Amino acid sequence: MSGKQVKIKRPPTVNGMPVDQFIEENADPIWLHQNERWELMPVEDSIFIPGPANDSETTEDEGGIPF
């Protein structure tokens, strides 16, 4: 405009892709936790194993201690 350069605002990118997409594809769980990006952390199914519904279903070893 009037012979002057005009700065065009563009969203930040990393290697040509949006920053959020780059983080989702390349960040490890430790970095995500340190930067409080828990919504992007992968969920492992083995962590959420349903336990017994009540105490009567628990098994006990020979000493009577539930395990």
C-alpha atoms as a PDB file:
ATOM      1  CA  MET A   1       0.000   0.000   0.000  1.00  0.00           C
ATOM      2  CA  SER A   2       1.413   3.346  -1.010  1.00  0.00           C
ATOM      3  CA  GLY A   3       4.708   1.685  -1.951  1.00  0.00           C
ATOM      4  CA  LYS A   4       5.236   0.129   1.520  1.00  0.00           C
ATOM      5  CA  GLN A   5       5.440  -3.516   2.411  1.00  0.00           C
ATOM      6  CA  VAL A   6       2.502  -4.939   4.301  1.00  0.00           C
ATOM      7  CA  LYS A   7       3.027  -7.770   6.759  1.00  0.00           C
ATOM      8  CA  ILE A   8       0.526 -10.563   6.201  1.00  0.00           C
ATOM      9  CA  LYS A   9      -0.248 -12.424   9.435  1.00  0.00           C
ATOM     10  CA  ARG A  10      -0.112 -16.173   9.002  1.00  0.00           C
ATOM     11  CA  PRO A  11      -0.529 -18.895  11.599  1.00  0.00           C
ATOM     12  CA  PRO A  12       2.766 -20.343  12.861  1.00  0.00           C
ATOM     13  CA  THR A  13       3.899 -23.568  11.196  1.00  0.00           C
ATOM     14  CA  VAL A  14       6.606 -26.191  11.719  1.00  0.00           C
ATOM     15  CA  ASN A  15       7.835 -27.911   8.575  1.00  0.00           C
ATOM     16  CA  GLY A  16       4.763 -26.620   6.744  1.00  0.00           C
ATOM     17  CA  MET A  17       2.149 -28.029   9.142  1.00  0.00           C
ATOM     18  CA  PRO A  18       0.280 -26.242  11.937  1.00  0.00           C
ATOM     19  CA  VAL A  19       2.009 -26.292  15.326  1.00  0.00           C
ATOM     20  CA  ASP A  20      -0.788 -28.239  17.058  1.00  0.00           C
ATOM     21  CA  GLN A  21      -0.718 -30.976  14.417  1.00  0.00           C
ATOM     22  CA  PHE A  22       3.083 -31.194  14.642  1.00  0.00           C
ATOM     23  CA  ILE A  23       2.893 -31.573  18.433  1.00  0.00           C
ATOM     24  CA  GLU A  24       0.214 -34.288  18.187  1.00  0.00           C
ATOM     25  CA  GLU A  25       2.316 -36.323  15.768  1.00  0.00           C
ATOM     26  CA  ASN A  26       5.787 -35.852  17.271  1.00  0.00           C
ATOM     27  CA  ALA A  27       5.605 -35.185  21.021  1.00  0.00           C
ATOM     28  CA  ASP A  28       6.430 -37.918  23.509  1.00  0.00           C
ATOM     29  CA  PRO A  29       4.297 -38.482  26.648  1.00  0.00           C
ATOM     30  CA  ILE A  30       6.909 -36.926  28.962  1.00  0.00           C
ATOM     31  CA  TRP A  31       6.945 -33.645  27.008  1.00  0.00           C
ATOM     32  CA  LEU A  32       3.148 -33.600  26.878  1.00  0.00           C
ATOM     33  CA  HIS A  33       2.970 -34.074  30.660  1.00  0.00           C
ATOM     34  CA  GLN A  34       5.603 -31.401  31.376  1.00  0.00           C
ATOM     35  CA  ASN A  35       3.716 -28.899  29.216  1.00  0.00           C
ATOM     36  CA  GLU A  36       0.285 -29.849  30.610  1.00  0.00           C
ATOM     37  CA  ARG A  37      -1.045 -31.138  27.270  1.00  0.00           C
ATOM     38  CA  TRP A  38      -2.778 -34.141  28.883  1.00  0.00           C
ATOM     39  CA  GLU A  39      -5.596 -34.155  26.333  1.00  0.00           C
ATOM     40  CA  LEU A  40      -3.080 -35.290  23.698  1.00  0.00           C
ATOM     41  CA  MET A  41      -1.525 -38.089  25.769  1.00  0.00           C
ATOM     42  CA  PRO A  42      -2.153 -41.597  24.435  1.00  0.00           C
ATOM     43  CA  VAL A  43      -4.368 -43.779  26.630  1.00  0.00           C
ATOM     44  CA  GLU A  44      -3.302 -47.360  27.208  1.00  0.00           C
ATOM     45  CA  ASP A  45      -6.114 -49.858  27.626  1.00  0.00           C
ATOM     46  CA  SER A  46      -4.041 -52.028  29.980  1.00  0.00           C
ATOM     47  CA  ILE A  47      -4.099 -49.311  32.661  1.00  0.00           C
ATOM     48  CA  PHE A  48      -7.871 -49.402  33.065  1.00  0.00           C
ATOM     49  CA  ILE A  49      -8.467 -53.020  34.019  1.00  0.00           C
ATOM     50  CA  PRO A  50     -11.755 -53.306  35.886  1.00  0.00           C
ATOM     51  CA  GLY A  51     -11.352 -54.769  39.362  1.00  0.00           C
ATOM     52  CA  PRO A  52     -13.776 -56.860  41.374  1.00  0.00           C
ATOM     53  CA  ALA A  53     -17.147 -55.271  42.111  1.00  0.00           C
ATOM     54  CA  ASN A  54     -16.955 -55.884  45.866  1.00  0.00           C
ATOM     55  CA  ASP A  55     -14.662 -57.403  48.496  1.00  0.00           C
ATOM     56  CA  SER A  56     -16.399 -60.803  48.488  1.00  0.00           C
ATOM     57  CA  GLU A  57     -15.003 -61.507  45.008  1.00  0.00           C
ATOM     58  CA  THR A  58     -11.349 -60.970  45.955  1.00  0.00           C
ATOM     59  CA  THR A  59      -9.136 -63.997  46.203  1.00  0.00           C
ATOM     60  CA  GLU A  60      -7.003 -64.653  49.254  1.00  0.00           C
ATOM     61  CA  ASP A  61      -3.689 -66.397  49.567  1.00  0.00           C
ATOM     62  CA  GLU A  62      -2.919 -69.056  52.229  1.00  0.00           C
ATOM     63  CA  GLY A  63      -2.369 -66.420  54.940  1.00  0.00           C
ATOM     64  CA  GLY A  64      -5.806 -64.875  54.389  1.00  0.00           C
ATOM     65  CA  ILE A  65      -4.376 -61.711  52.876  1.00  0.00           C
ATOM     66  CA  PRO A  66      -6.238 -60.534  49.753  1.00  0.00           C
ATOM     67  CA  PHE A  67      -4.122 -59.939  46.694  1.00  0.00           C
END
